[in-house]
Amino acid sequence: MSQQKVDQYKKEKANRKQIMKKQRVMGVVRTCAVTVVALALVGWIGFSVYDSYTSNQERPSVEINYDAVTNYMSGLSE
C-alpha cells in the first residue's frame, strides 16, 4: 500500500463513528423524504379517484320560486 492509502485508512478509521452517524442520519432523512412523497402521491391519487367518482354521479335538480323576492323588490320600487 502506498503511504497515501495508509494515511487515508487511518483518517477514516479515526472518524469512523462520525461517518457512521452521518450515514445513519442521511438514511433516516432519505426514508422520511420518500415517505412524504409516497403519502402525497397516494393522497393525490385518492383525491383524483374520488373526484372522478363524484363527477359521474347524477346531481339532483332543485327548482327555486323567486316570487316572494320579486314581490318584495317591486314593493320597494313603488
Protein backbone atom coordinates (compact mmCIF):
# COMPACT_ATOMS: atom_id res chain seq x y z
CA MET A 1 0.00 0.00 0.00
CA SER A 2 1.18 3.49 -0.70
CA GLN A 3 1.63 5.96 2.12
CA GLN A 4 -1.32 8.00 0.84
CA LYS A 5 -3.66 4.99 1.13
CA VAL A 6 -2.35 4.20 4.61
CA ASP A 7 -2.91 7.79 5.75
CA GLN A 8 -6.42 7.79 4.27
CA TYR A 9 -7.26 4.49 6.02
CA LYS A 10 -6.03 5.85 9.37
CA LYS A 11 -8.08 9.02 8.88
CA GLU A 12 -11.22 7.04 8.06
CA LYS A 13 -10.64 4.71 10.99
CA ALA A 14 -10.25 7.64 13.38
CA ASN A 15 -13.50 9.24 12.17
CA ARG A 16 -15.45 6.03 11.67
CA LYS A 17 -18.03 6.81 14.40
CA GLN A 18 -18.82 10.22 12.94
CA ILE A 19 -19.01 8.79 9.43
CA MET A 20 -21.37 6.01 10.54
CA LYS A 21 -23.56 8.51 12.45
CA LYS A 22 -23.72 10.78 9.43
CA GLN A 23 -24.69 7.85 7.19
CA ARG A 24 -27.45 6.80 9.62
CA VAL A 25 -28.84 10.35 9.77
CA MET A 26 -28.82 10.63 5.99
CA GLY A 27 -30.59 7.28 5.76
CA VAL A 28 -33.33 8.49 8.10
CA VAL A 29 -33.68 11.76 6.16
CA ARG A 30 -33.89 9.84 2.89
CA THR A 31 -36.52 7.49 4.35
CA CYS A 32 -38.60 10.42 5.63
CA ALA A 33 -38.43 12.20 2.28
CA VAL A 34 -39.51 9.09 0.40
CA THR A 35 -42.36 8.57 2.88
CA VAL A 36 -43.62 12.13 2.45
CA VAL A 37 -43.51 11.85 -1.34
CA ALA A 38 -45.30 8.48 -1.23
CA LEU A 39 -48.03 9.85 1.05
CA ALA A 40 -48.51 12.86 -1.23
CA LEU A 41 -48.78 10.58 -4.24
CA VAL A 42 -51.30 8.30 -2.54
CA GLY A 43 -53.34 11.32 -1.41
CA TRP A 44 -53.32 12.80 -4.89
CA ILE A 45 -54.39 9.52 -6.47
CA GLY A 46 -57.14 9.08 -3.86
CA PHE A 47 -58.44 12.61 -4.45
CA SER A 48 -58.41 12.08 -8.22
CA VAL A 49 -60.37 8.84 -7.90
CA TYR A 50 -62.89 10.47 -5.54
CA ASP A 51 -63.25 13.50 -7.81
CA SER A 52 -63.85 11.37 -10.91
CA TYR A 53 -66.36 9.21 -8.99
CA THR A 54 -68.35 12.19 -7.74
CA SER A 55 -68.32 13.89 -11.14
CA ASN A 56 -70.02 10.83 -12.66
CA GLN A 57 -72.85 10.84 -10.11
CA GLU A 58 -76.23 12.30 -11.03
CA ARG A 59 -76.84 15.65 -9.39
CA PRO A 60 -80.31 16.38 -8.01
CA SER A 61 -82.23 19.18 -9.67
CA VAL A 62 -83.89 21.84 -7.50
CA GLU A 63 -86.45 24.43 -8.54
CA ILE A 64 -86.49 27.74 -6.72
CA ASN A 65 -89.50 30.02 -6.57
CA TYR A 66 -88.45 33.68 -6.59
CA ASP A 67 -91.98 35.11 -6.46
CA ALA A 68 -91.61 36.38 -2.88
CA VAL A 69 -88.32 38.12 -3.68
CA THR A 70 -89.79 39.65 -6.86
CA ASN A 71 -92.84 40.93 -4.98
CA TYR A 72 -90.64 42.40 -2.25
CA MET A 73 -88.36 44.14 -4.75
CA SER A 74 -91.34 45.55 -6.70
CA GLY A 75 -92.79 46.76 -3.40
CA LEU A 76 -89.59 48.66 -2.66
CA SER A 77 -89.54 50.41 -6.03
CA GLU A 78 -93.11 51.72 -5.65
